[in-house]
Amino acid sequence: MPAQIYIGTSSWAERSLIESGRFYPPELKDTPARLAYFAERFNLGEIDSTYYALPSTKNIESWVNAVPEGFRFVVKAFALFTQHPTQLSSIPKSFRDELPPEATKKSRVYEKDFPAEITAELWRIFLAALRPMREQGKLGAILIDFPPWYVPSTASRAYLEQLRERVPDDVVIVEFRNALWVADDGTADATLRQLRDLGFGFVCVDEPQGLKTSFPPVVAAPAAVAAVRFRGRNAERWEDKSASTEERLNWLYTDKELKEWLPRIRQLESEAEELYLNFNTKAEDQSVVNAARLQKLLGNLG
């Protein structure tokens, strides 16, 4: 039986999307109202705010109640959990007070700066906040989005094992940003084998190719949930350190570009049980326009 397909965007509350005035009716003033409108048109929403700060149960509950049955959320894991530098100010003060003195002098910290018991408690808070989403069957997956410098190693593979211990019950999908993870020297097979053993989904990506930092459009579904994140093809700004996130992810897909993914999507659909297709383009209303365009292309295929 083919996978159930879910299509959406990386945020329904992006400032540029709201300020464009081209998607939400002007009378919708709050996030839950906009989310309800979004959910009438798409069945998948990725939550980015949980990357920057631990989620609150109150917010999660309001979002869950704004969408219908059958909607799925993908929740980005807190930056600290994904080997990214994390603003010290985003850590609750009660935990900051327990950090080693050398860590409190930094503006940005890493998971390695934290005692194991504090990391475990932060994970507990993160997962507990998702309870309303989990109870209503609307938690699609937790997204572990690793940075480009996170490369295959004994330590990196051990950390993946540790993540499954941290998140024993929820669906987890993993996005790598370094192409070494899918190198054809046998590393790709080892990566996918470990994900399969852990029950982790693999996030396929569409992004600019031919650059030093490019991640190839590898298609694989080692777990029941598969995913594709469309990040645009803005090669001109992709590696520009002066470019903002919105500038790097500024891309309006053409039908031709999206049609390249139709056979890949069909492959994933045949191998998984649920398939999440998410647009991470940022400028103005590009994300919803791109998502609607793919919806139409898939619909035309029946």
C-alpha atoms as a PDB file:
ATOM      1  CA  MET A   1       0.000   0.000   0.000  1.00  0.00           C
ATOM      2  CA  PRO A   2       1.521   3.392  -0.973  1.00  0.00           C
ATOM      3  CA  ALA A   3       2.520   5.822   1.741  1.00  0.00           C
ATOM      4  CA  GLN A   4       0.212   8.596   2.874  1.00  0.00           C
ATOM      5  CA  ILE A   5       1.676  11.834   1.523  1.00  0.00           C
ATOM      6  CA  TYR A   6       1.822  15.001   3.611  1.00  0.00           C
ATOM      7  CA  ILE A   7       2.794  18.328   2.051  1.00  0.00           C
ATOM      8  CA  GLY A   8       3.525  21.578   3.841  1.00  0.00           C
ATOM      9  CA  THR A   9       6.097  24.199   4.762  1.00  0.00           C
ATOM     10  CA  SER A  10       8.749  24.812   7.370  1.00  0.00           C
ATOM     11  CA  SER A  11       6.741  27.509   9.109  1.00  0.00           C
ATOM     12  CA  TRP A  12       3.227  28.848   8.829  1.00  0.00           C
ATOM     13  CA  ALA A  13       4.194  31.914  10.875  1.00  0.00           C
ATOM     14  CA  GLU A  14       7.235  33.255   8.984  1.00  0.00           C
ATOM     15  CA  ARG A  15       7.247  37.049   9.189  1.00  0.00           C
ATOM     16  CA  SER A  16       7.958  37.361   5.459  1.00  0.00           C
ATOM     17  CA  LEU A  17       4.984  35.098   4.649  1.00  0.00           C
ATOM     18  CA  ILE A  18       2.631  37.159   6.821  1.00  0.00           C
ATOM     19  CA  GLU A  19       3.971  40.519   5.632  1.00  0.00           C
ATOM     20  CA  SER A  20       3.657  39.506   1.969  1.00  0.00           C
ATOM     21  CA  GLY A  21      -0.119  39.749   2.392  1.00  0.00           C
ATOM     22  CA  ARG A  22      -0.581  37.167  -0.326  1.00  0.00           C
ATOM     23  CA  PHE A  23      -1.603  34.136   1.701  1.00  0.00           C
ATOM     24  CA  TYR A  24      -3.368  34.940   4.965  1.00  0.00           C
ATOM     25  CA  PRO A  25      -6.512  37.074   5.013  1.00  0.00           C
ATOM     26  CA  PRO A  26      -5.741  40.333   6.875  1.00  0.00           C
ATOM     27  CA  GLU A  27      -8.348  39.636   9.572  1.00  0.00           C
ATOM     28  CA  LEU A  28      -6.342  36.648  10.852  1.00  0.00           C
ATOM     29  CA  LYS A  29      -4.210  38.203  13.566  1.00  0.00           C
ATOM     30  CA  ASP A  30      -2.948  35.368  15.767  1.00  0.00           C
ATOM     31  CA  THR A  31      -0.891  32.242  15.201  1.00  0.00           C
ATOM     32  CA  PRO A  32      -3.621  29.624  15.908  1.00  0.00           C
ATOM     33  CA  ALA A  33      -6.037  31.353  13.493  1.00  0.00           C
ATOM     34  CA  ARG A  34      -3.403  31.467  10.783  1.00  0.00           C
ATOM     35  CA  LEU A  35      -2.503  27.830  11.461  1.00  0.00           C
ATOM     36  CA  ALA A  36      -6.153  26.785  11.095  1.00  0.00           C
ATOM     37  CA  TYR A  37      -6.285  28.583   7.725  1.00  0.00           C
ATOM     38  CA  PHE A  38      -2.980  26.955   6.712  1.00  0.00           C
ATOM     39  CA  ALA A  39      -4.301  23.512   7.692  1.00  0.00           C
ATOM     40  CA  GLU A  40      -7.281  23.907   5.355  1.00  0.00           C
ATOM     41  CA  ARG A  41      -4.799  23.917   2.472  1.00  0.00           C
ATOM     42  CA  PHE A  42      -1.923  21.712   3.658  1.00  0.00           C
ATOM     43  CA  ASN A  43      -1.655  18.702   5.951  1.00  0.00           C
ATOM     44  CA  LEU A  44       1.912  19.145   7.223  1.00  0.00           C
ATOM     45  CA  GLY A  45       3.577  21.871   9.263  1.00  0.00           C
ATOM     46  CA  GLU A  46       7.168  22.009  10.456  1.00  0.00           C
ATOM     47  CA  ILE A  47       7.803  23.833  13.722  1.00  0.00           C
ATOM     48  CA  ASP A  48      11.092  25.753  13.645  1.00  0.00           C
ATOM     49  CA  SER A  49      10.698  27.684  16.906  1.00  0.00           C
ATOM     50  CA  THR A  50      11.559  24.550  18.908  1.00  0.00           C
ATOM     51  CA  TYR A  51      15.065  24.729  17.434  1.00  0.00           C
ATOM     52  CA  TYR A  52      15.660  28.109  19.070  1.00  0.00           C
ATOM     53  CA  ALA A  53      13.959  27.520  22.417  1.00  0.00           C
ATOM     54  CA  LEU A  54      12.400  24.700  24.373  1.00  0.00           C
ATOM     55  CA  PRO A  55       8.685  24.408  23.539  1.00  0.00           C
ATOM     56  CA  SER A  56       5.906  25.163  25.984  1.00  0.00           C
ATOM     57  CA  THR A  57       3.022  22.751  26.466  1.00  0.00           C
ATOM     58  CA  LYS A  58       0.611  25.700  26.237  1.00  0.00           C
ATOM     59  CA  ASN A  59       1.769  26.649  22.730  1.00  0.00           C
ATOM     60  CA  ILE A  60       1.852  23.044  21.555  1.00  0.00           C
ATOM     61  CA  GLU A  61      -1.702  22.529  22.832  1.00  0.00           C
ATOM     62  CA  SER A  62      -3.011  25.639  21.041  1.00  0.00           C
ATOM     63  CA  TRP A  63      -1.413  24.533  17.767  1.00  0.00           C
ATOM     64  CA  VAL A  64      -2.730  20.986  18.057  1.00  0.00           C
ATOM     65  CA  ASN A  65      -6.255  22.263  18.681  1.00  0.00           C
ATOM     66  CA  ALA A  66      -6.067  24.531  15.625  1.00  0.00           C
ATOM     67  CA  VAL A  67      -5.634  21.722  13.089  1.00  0.00           C
ATOM     68  CA  PRO A  68      -7.928  18.863  12.042  1.00  0.00           C
ATOM     69  CA  GLU A  69      -7.450  15.162  12.540  1.00  0.00           C
ATOM     70  CA  GLY A  70      -5.002  13.837   9.964  1.00  0.00           C
ATOM     71  CA  PHE A  71      -2.666  16.822  10.157  1.00  0.00           C
ATOM     72  CA  ARG A  72       0.984  16.110  10.981  1.00  0.00           C
ATOM     73  CA  PHE A  73       3.598  18.252  12.699  1.00  0.00           C
ATOM     74  CA  VAL A  74       7.341  17.828  12.252  1.00  0.00           C
ATOM     75  CA  VAL A  75       9.104  19.329  15.269  1.00  0.00           C
ATOM     76  CA  LYS A  76      12.702  20.490  14.923  1.00  0.00           C
ATOM     77  CA  ALA A  77      14.809  19.360  17.841  1.00  0.00           C
ATOM     78  CA  PHE A  78      16.340  22.017  20.074  1.00  0.00           C
ATOM     79  CA  ALA A  79      19.699  23.220  18.665  1.00  0.00           C
ATOM     80  CA  LEU A  80      21.630  21.887  21.654  1.00  0.00           C
ATOM     81  CA  PHE A  81      20.479  18.348  20.821  1.00  0.00           C
ATOM     82  CA  THR A  82      21.705  18.523  17.212  1.00  0.00           C
ATOM     83  CA  GLN A  83      25.339  19.551  17.783  1.00  0.00           C
ATOM     84  CA  HIS A  84      24.641  23.162  16.790  1.00  0.00           C
ATOM     85  CA  PRO A  85      25.901  26.148  18.776  1.00  0.00           C
ATOM     86  CA  THR A  86      23.099  27.252  21.068  1.00  0.00           C
ATOM     87  CA  GLN A  87      22.493  30.667  22.565  1.00  0.00           C
ATOM     88  CA  LEU A  88      23.204  30.430  26.271  1.00  0.00           C
ATOM     89  CA  SER A  89      20.248  32.742  26.849  1.00  0.00           C
ATOM     90  CA  SER A  90      17.904  30.104  25.385  1.00  0.00           C
ATOM     91  CA  ILE A  91      18.757  27.714  28.231  1.00  0.00           C
ATOM     92  CA  PRO A  92      16.426  28.123  31.244  1.00  0.00           C
ATOM     93  CA  LYS A  93      18.186  30.130  33.957  1.00  0.00           C
ATOM     94  CA  SER A  94      17.845  27.384  36.548  1.00  0.00           C
ATOM     95  CA  PHE A  95      20.035  25.186  34.317  1.00  0.00           C
ATOM     96  CA  ARG A  96      22.479  27.947  33.429  1.00  0.00           C
ATOM     97  CA  ASP A  97      23.219  28.350  37.115  1.00  0.00           C
ATOM     98  CA  GLU A  98      24.349  24.709  37.255  1.00  0.00           C
ATOM     99  CA  LEU A  99      26.776  24.895  34.334  1.00  0.00           C
ATOM    100  CA  PRO A 100      30.545  24.799  34.757  1.00  0.00           C
ATOM    101  CA  PRO A 101      31.999  28.341  35.104  1.00  0.00           C
ATOM    102  CA  GLU A 102      33.797  28.132  31.737  1.00  0.00           C
ATOM    103  CA  ALA A 103      30.487  27.452  29.948  1.00  0.00           C
ATOM    104  CA  THR A 104      28.688  30.418  31.499  1.00  0.00           C
ATOM    105  CA  LYS A 105      31.307  32.783  30.059  1.00  0.00           C
ATOM    106  CA  LYS A 106      30.260  31.870  26.506  1.00  0.00           C
ATOM    107  CA  SER A 107      27.418  33.423  24.524  1.00  0.00           C
ATOM    108  CA  ARG A 108      26.946  30.168  22.620  1.00  0.00           C
ATOM    109  CA  VAL A 109      27.320  26.689  24.010  1.00  0.00           C
ATOM    110  CA  TYR A 110      27.377  23.111  22.737  1.00  0.00           C
ATOM    111  CA  GLU A 111      25.996  19.873  24.076  1.00  0.00           C
ATOM    112  CA  LYS A 112      29.500  18.861  25.164  1.00  0.00           C
ATOM    113  CA  ASP A 113      29.567  21.862  27.542  1.00  0.00           C
ATOM    114  CA  PHE A 114      26.704  20.385  29.598  1.00  0.00           C
ATOM    115  CA  PRO A 115      26.800  17.751  32.332  1.00  0.00           C
ATOM    116  CA  ALA A 116      24.930  14.642  31.211  1.00  0.00           C
ATOM    117  CA  GLU A 117      22.221  15.039  33.845  1.00  0.00           C
ATOM    118  CA  ILE A 118      21.333  18.549  32.619  1.00  0.00           C
ATOM    119  CA  THR A 119      21.151  17.406  28.993  1.00  0.00           C
ATOM    120  CA  ALA A 120      18.891  14.547  30.055  1.00  0.00           C
ATOM    121  CA  GLU A 121      16.583  16.935  31.913  1.00  0.00           C
ATOM    122  CA  LEU A 122      16.412  19.338  28.947  1.00  0.00           C
ATOM    123  CA  TRP A 123      15.424  16.411  26.742  1.00  0.00           C
ATOM    124  CA  ARG A 124      12.754  15.443  29.281  1.00  0.00           C
ATOM    125  CA  ILE A 125      11.288  18.961  29.190  1.00  0.00           C
ATOM    126  CA  PHE A 126      11.358  19.020  25.374  1.00  0.00           C
ATOM    127  CA  LEU A 127       9.593  15.681  24.997  1.00  0.00           C
ATOM    128  CA  ALA A 128       7.081  16.360  27.769  1.00  0.00           C
ATOM    129  CA  ALA A 129       5.939  19.562  26.036  1.00  0.00           C
ATOM    130  CA  LEU A 130       4.949  17.519  22.962  1.00  0.00           C
ATOM    131  CA  ARG A 131       2.484  15.418  24.956  1.00  0.00           C
ATOM    132  CA  PRO A 132      -0.718  17.066  23.554  1.00  0.00           C
ATOM    133  CA  MET A 133       0.539  16.539  20.022  1.00  0.00           C
ATOM    134  CA  ARG A 134       1.437  12.954  20.741  1.00  0.00           C
ATOM    135  CA  GLU A 135      -1.873  12.173  22.443  1.00  0.00           C
ATOM    136  CA  GLN A 136      -3.912  13.475  19.507  1.00  0.00           C
ATOM    137  CA  GLY A 137      -1.845  11.543  16.954  1.00  0.00           C
ATOM    138  CA  LYS A 138      -0.575  14.698  15.266  1.00  0.00           C
ATOM    139  CA  LEU A 139       3.130  14.353  16.053  1.00  0.00           C
ATOM    140  CA  GLY A 140       4.585  13.182  12.777  1.00  0.00           C
ATOM    141  CA  ALA A 141       8.262  13.229  13.666  1.00  0.00           C
ATOM    142  CA  ILE A 142      11.045  14.941  15.544  1.00  0.00           C
ATOM    143  CA  LEU A 143      13.595  16.336  13.094  1.00  0.00           C
ATOM    144  CA  ILE A 144      17.258  16.010  14.025  1.00  0.00           C
ATOM    145  CA  ASP A 145      18.986  18.503  11.739  1.00  0.00           C
ATOM    146  CA  PHE A 146      22.772  18.130  11.984  1.00  0.00           C
ATOM    147  CA  PRO A 147      25.213  20.906  10.984  1.00  0.00           C
ATOM    148  CA  PRO A 148      27.580  20.677   7.987  1.00  0.00           C
ATOM    149  CA  TRP A 149      30.598  19.987  10.196  1.00  0.00           C
ATOM    150  CA  TYR A 150      28.960  16.883  11.679  1.00  0.00           C
ATOM    151  CA  VAL A 151      30.783  14.130   9.780  1.00  0.00           C
ATOM    152  CA  PRO A 152      30.796  10.321  10.004  1.00  0.00           C
ATOM    153  CA  SER A 153      32.951   9.057  12.867  1.00  0.00           C
ATOM    154  CA  THR A 154      32.824   6.575  15.680  1.00  0.00           C
ATOM    155  CA  ALA A 155      31.688   9.362  18.014  1.00  0.00           C
ATOM    156  CA  SER A 156      29.021  10.612  15.595  1.00  0.00           C
ATOM    157  CA  ARG A 157      27.563   7.146  15.141  1.00  0.00           C
ATOM    158  CA  ALA A 158      27.571   6.629  18.900  1.00  0.00           C
ATOM    159  CA  TYR A 159      25.667   9.898  19.276  1.00  0.00           C
ATOM    160  CA  LEU A 160      22.984   8.593  16.911  1.00  0.00           C
ATOM    161  CA  GLU A 161      22.639   5.547  19.159  1.00  0.00           C
ATOM    162  CA  GLN A 162      22.344   7.859  22.147  1.00  0.00           C
ATOM    163  CA  LEU A 163      19.591   9.834  20.448  1.00  0.00           C
ATOM    164  CA  ARG A 164      17.453   6.713  20.170  1.00  0.00           C
ATOM    165  CA  GLU A 165      17.931   6.180  23.890  1.00  0.00           C
ATOM    166  CA  ARG A 166      16.835   9.782  24.473  1.00  0.00           C
ATOM    167  CA  VAL A 167      13.783   9.395  22.227  1.00  0.00           C
ATOM    168  CA  PRO A 168      12.739   5.764  22.593  1.00  0.00           C
ATOM    169  CA  ASP A 169       9.145   6.040  21.403  1.00  0.00           C
ATOM    170  CA  ASP A 170       8.633   8.971  18.991  1.00  0.00           C
ATOM    171  CA  VAL A 171       9.343   8.936  15.265  1.00  0.00           C
ATOM    172  CA  VAL A 172      12.712  10.544  14.472  1.00  0.00           C
ATOM    173  CA  ILE A 173      13.923  11.720  11.067  1.00  0.00           C
ATOM    174  CA  VAL A 174      17.552  12.708  10.514  1.00  0.00           C
ATOM    175  CA  GLU A 175      18.910  15.325   8.128  1.00  0.00           C
ATOM    176  CA  PHE A 176      22.626  15.305   7.405  1.00  0.00           C
ATOM    177  CA  ARG A 177      24.288  18.357   5.855  1.00  0.00           C
ATOM    178  CA  ASN A 178      27.664  16.816   5.013  1.00  0.00           C
ATOM    179  CA  ALA A 179      27.852  14.646   1.882  1.00  0.00           C
ATOM    180  CA  LEU A 180      30.411  12.332   3.496  1.00  0.00           C
ATOM    181  CA  TRP A 181      27.473  10.570   5.172  1.00  0.00           C
ATOM    182  CA  VAL A 182      26.298   9.301   1.775  1.00  0.00           C
ATOM    183  CA  ALA A 183      29.650   8.783   0.050  1.00  0.00           C
ATOM    184  CA  ASP A 184      29.726   5.825  -2.331  1.00  0.00           C
ATOM    185  CA  ASP A 185      32.785   4.297  -0.630  1.00  0.00           C
ATOM    186  CA  GLY A 186      30.475   2.209   1.538  1.00  0.00           C
ATOM    187  CA  THR A 187      29.684   5.004   3.982  1.00  0.00           C
ATOM    188  CA  ALA A 188      26.203   5.525   2.516  1.00  0.00           C
ATOM    189  CA  ASP A 189      25.356   1.870   3.080  1.00  0.00           C
ATOM    190  CA  ALA A 190      26.638   2.065   6.653  1.00  0.00           C
ATOM    191  CA  THR A 191      24.663   5.249   7.312  1.00  0.00           C
ATOM    192  CA  LEU A 192      21.400   3.859   6.000  1.00  0.00           C
ATOM    193  CA  ARG A 193      21.955   0.551   7.766  1.00  0.00           C
ATOM    194  CA  GLN A 194      22.388   2.316  11.098  1.00  0.00           C
ATOM    195  CA  LEU A 195      19.307   4.470  10.523  1.00  0.00           C
ATOM    196  CA  ARG A 196      17.342   1.336   9.664  1.00  0.00           C
ATOM    197  CA  ASP A 197      18.566  -0.434  12.806  1.00  0.00           C
ATOM    198  CA  LEU A 198      17.571   2.580  14.918  1.00  0.00           C
ATOM    199  CA  GLY A 199      14.249   3.068  13.153  1.00  0.00           C
ATOM    200  CA  PHE A 200      15.244   6.598  12.102  1.00  0.00           C
ATOM    201  CA  GLY A 201      13.957   8.134   8.889  1.00  0.00           C
ATOM    202  CA  PHE A 202      16.356   9.711   6.382  1.00  0.00           C
ATOM    203  CA  VAL A 203      15.640  13.230   5.172  1.00  0.00           C
ATOM    204  CA  CYS A 204      16.210  13.568   1.434  1.00  0.00           C
ATOM    205  CA  VAL A 205      17.013  17.115   0.329  1.00  0.00           C
ATOM    206  CA  ASP A 206      16.745  19.302  -2.721  1.00  0.00           C
ATOM    207  CA  GLU A 207      19.337  22.071  -2.694  1.00  0.00           C
ATOM    208  CA  PRO A 208      21.933  23.657  -5.031  1.00  0.00           C
ATOM    209  CA  GLN A 209      24.339  21.144  -6.542  1.00  0.00           C
ATOM    210  CA  GLY A 210      27.940  21.464  -7.705  1.00  0.00           C
ATOM    211  CA  LEU A 211      29.117  23.435  -4.663  1.00  0.00           C
ATOM    212  CA  LYS A 212      31.599  22.459  -1.979  1.00  0.00           C
ATOM    213  CA  THR A 213      28.824  22.196   0.606  1.00  0.00           C
ATOM    214  CA  SER A 214      26.207  20.534  -1.615  1.00  0.00           C
ATOM    215  CA  PHE A 215      24.359  17.502  -0.285  1.00  0.00           C
ATOM    216  CA  PRO A 216      23.263  15.197  -3.119  1.00  0.00           C
ATOM    217  CA  PRO A 217      19.594  14.298  -3.742  1.00  0.00           C
ATOM    218  CA  VAL A 218      19.961  10.778  -2.363  1.00  0.00           C
ATOM    219  CA  VAL A 219      16.643   8.960  -2.161  1.00  0.00           C
ATOM    220  CA  ALA A 220      16.220   6.432   0.632  1.00  0.00           C
ATOM    221  CA  ALA A 221      13.546   5.262   3.050  1.00  0.00           C
ATOM    222  CA  PRO A 222      15.182   3.184   5.807  1.00  0.00           C
ATOM    223  CA  ALA A 223      12.205   3.602   8.144  1.00  0.00           C
ATOM    224  CA  ALA A 224       8.413   3.793   8.057  1.00  0.00           C
ATOM    225  CA  VAL A 225       8.486   7.590   7.750  1.00  0.00           C
ATOM    226  CA  ALA A 226      10.335   9.162   4.826  1.00  0.00           C
ATOM    227  CA  ALA A 227      10.885  12.858   4.207  1.00  0.00           C
ATOM    228  CA  VAL A 228      12.048  15.381   1.639  1.00  0.00           C
ATOM    229  CA  ARG A 229      12.978  18.959   2.483  1.00  0.00           C
ATOM    230  CA  PHE A 230      13.026  21.353  -0.461  1.00  0.00           C
ATOM    231  CA  ARG A 231      15.535  24.092   0.333  1.00  0.00           C
ATOM    232  CA  GLY A 232      15.651  25.851  -3.034  1.00  0.00           C
ATOM    233  CA  ARG A 233      18.452  26.078  -5.585  1.00  0.00           C
ATOM    234  CA  ASN A 234      19.893  29.503  -4.957  1.00  0.00           C
ATOM    235  CA  ALA A 235      23.487  28.539  -5.795  1.00  0.00           C
ATOM    236  CA  GLU A 236      24.540  32.172  -6.037  1.00  0.00           C
ATOM    237  CA  ARG A 237      23.900  32.840  -2.327  1.00  0.00           C
ATOM    238  CA  TRP A 238      24.117  29.313  -0.870  1.00  0.00           C
ATOM    239  CA  GLU A 239      27.676  29.651   0.408  1.00  0.00           C
ATOM    240  CA  ASP A 240      27.601  33.426   0.857  1.00  0.00           C
ATOM    241  CA  LYS A 241      28.394  34.007   4.542  1.00  0.00           C
ATOM    242  CA  SER A 242      26.958  37.514   4.325  1.00  0.00           C
ATOM    243  CA  ALA A 243      23.575  36.232   3.127  1.00  0.00           C
ATOM    244  CA  SER A 244      20.679  35.917   5.551  1.00  0.00           C
ATOM    245  CA  THR A 245      18.758  32.658   5.870  1.00  0.00           C
ATOM    246  CA  GLU A 246      15.945  34.210   3.840  1.00  0.00           C
ATOM    247  CA  GLU A 247      18.371  35.206   1.087  1.00  0.00           C
ATOM    248  CA  ARG A 248      19.982  31.752   0.962  1.00  0.00           C
ATOM    249  CA  LEU A 249      16.616  30.005   0.848  1.00  0.00           C
ATOM    250  CA  ASN A 250      15.067  32.407  -1.661  1.00  0.00           C
ATOM    251  CA  TRP A 251      13.727  30.204  -4.437  1.00  0.00           C
ATOM    252  CA  LEU A 252      10.521  29.827  -6.407  1.00  0.00           C
ATOM    253  CA  TYR A 253      10.454  26.338  -7.916  1.00  0.00           C
ATOM    254  CA  THR A 254       9.405  25.779 -11.501  1.00  0.00           C
ATOM    255  CA  ASP A 255       7.232  22.858 -12.559  1.00  0.00           C
ATOM    256  CA  LYS A 256      10.242  21.450 -14.384  1.00  0.00           C
ATOM    257  CA  GLU A 257      12.355  21.427 -11.231  1.00  0.00           C
ATOM    258  CA  LEU A 258       9.616  19.803  -9.169  1.00  0.00           C
ATOM    259  CA  LYS A 259       8.896  17.200 -11.854  1.00  0.00           C
ATOM    260  CA  GLU A 260      12.456  15.916 -11.355  1.00  0.00           C
ATOM    261  CA  TRP A 261      11.246  14.745  -7.961  1.00  0.00           C
ATOM    262  CA  LEU A 262       8.079  12.983  -9.063  1.00  0.00           C
ATOM    263  CA  PRO A 263       9.719   9.586  -9.744  1.00  0.00           C
ATOM    264  CA  ARG A 264      11.744   9.939  -6.540  1.00  0.00           C
ATOM    265  CA  ILE A 265       8.597  10.707  -4.586  1.00  0.00           C
ATOM    266  CA  ARG A 266       6.900   7.671  -6.096  1.00  0.00           C
ATOM    267  CA  GLN A 267       9.860   5.532  -5.035  1.00  0.00           C
ATOM    268  CA  LEU A 268       9.658   6.823  -1.463  1.00  0.00           C
ATOM    269  CA  GLU A 269       5.889   6.399  -1.524  1.00  0.00           C
ATOM    270  CA  SER A 270       6.334   2.723  -2.369  1.00  0.00           C
ATOM    271  CA  GLU A 271       8.866   2.128   0.422  1.00  0.00           C
ATOM    272  CA  ALA A 272       7.447   4.083   3.367  1.00  0.00           C
ATOM    273  CA  GLU A 273       4.169   4.318   5.270  1.00  0.00           C
ATOM    274  CA  GLU A 274       4.123   8.113   5.599  1.00  0.00           C
ATOM    275  CA  LEU A 275       5.971  10.619   3.415  1.00  0.00           C
ATOM    276  CA  TYR A 276       6.568  14.227   4.487  1.00  0.00           C
ATOM    277  CA  LEU A 277       7.268  16.748   1.715  1.00  0.00           C
ATOM    278  CA  ASN A 278       8.277  20.059   3.214  1.00  0.00           C
ATOM    279  CA  PHE A 279       9.308  23.366   1.635  1.00  0.00           C
ATOM    280  CA  ASN A 280      11.967  25.304   3.496  1.00  0.00           C
ATOM    281  CA  THR A 281      12.071  28.262   1.104  1.00  0.00           C
ATOM    282  CA  LYS A 282      11.740  31.531   2.985  1.00  0.00           C
ATOM    283  CA  ALA A 283      11.137  34.672   0.919  1.00  0.00           C
ATOM    284  CA  GLU A 284       7.629  36.123   1.106  1.00  0.00           C
ATOM    285  CA  ASP A 285       5.013  33.503   0.133  1.00  0.00           C
ATOM    286  CA  GLN A 286       7.389  31.191  -1.759  1.00  0.00           C
ATOM    287  CA  SER A 287       6.939  28.281   0.642  1.00  0.00           C
ATOM    288  CA  VAL A 288       3.174  28.010   0.208  1.00  0.00           C
ATOM    289  CA  VAL A 289       3.345  28.686  -3.536  1.00  0.00           C
ATOM    290  CA  ASN A 290       5.950  25.942  -3.947  1.00  0.00           C
ATOM    291  CA  ALA A 291       3.980  23.513  -1.781  1.00  0.00           C
ATOM    292  CA  ALA A 292       0.760  24.174  -3.692  1.00  0.00           C
ATOM    293  CA  ARG A 293       2.575  23.674  -6.983  1.00  0.00           C
ATOM    294  CA  LEU A 294       3.837  20.251  -5.910  1.00  0.00           C
ATOM    295  CA  GLN A 295       0.373  19.380  -4.600  1.00  0.00           C
ATOM    296  CA  LYS A 296      -1.056  20.097  -8.022  1.00  0.00           C
ATOM    297  CA  LEU A 297       1.611  18.090  -9.853  1.00  0.00           C
ATOM    298  CA  LEU A 298       1.053  15.073  -7.608  1.00  0.00           C
ATOM    299  CA  GLY A 299      -2.695  15.431  -7.900  1.00  0.00           C
ATOM    300  CA  ASN A 300      -2.515  15.460 -11.671  1.00  0.00           C
ATOM    301  CA  LEU A 301      -0.719  12.113 -11.509  1.00  0.00           C
ATOM    302  CA  GLY A 302      -3.665  10.676  -9.609  1.00  0.00           C
END
